[in-house]
Amino acid sequence: MLSPLTASSRVEWRRDLQQIKQLGFNTVRTWVEWAEAEPRPGEYHLENLRLLLALAQEVGLRVMVQMYADAAPDWVGKAYPYARFVARILHRQPRNPQARRRPLRRRRACRVALSEFLRLGSLE
């Protein structure tokens, strides 16, 4: 996962990426958690990913980005309470939305919300 941006992130990350390139690697890997990237519907926080992509391009590295949707944002649990985790014994478990496992595959509205997030692959 990418660390939060600081005033020195650009310099530090560029140095790290240059070292990775000098070691002979051609790709770095990171991940983005939905809960962190979209704290409210339609409000995306991807500044650190954008910086990583720009710096990696500067030093000639590719970036593999994995999108994690298992940790849904809090607003998903509030907007779609019927999508809460269901245990094998089929009792609804009121859990923190961040800890839910696969809540989004149960209802079409939840799948639509996830699809909107995953479209960010283009990083508009």
Foldseek 3Di string as FASTA:
>chain_A
DFDDDDPCCLVVLLVVLLVVVVVPAAEDEDEDEQQQQPQDQPRGDCVRVVSNCVSSVVNRHHYHYHYHDQQPHQVCCVVCVVLAAADPVRDGDDDRSRNGGPSQVPDPVSVVSVVVVVVCVVVD
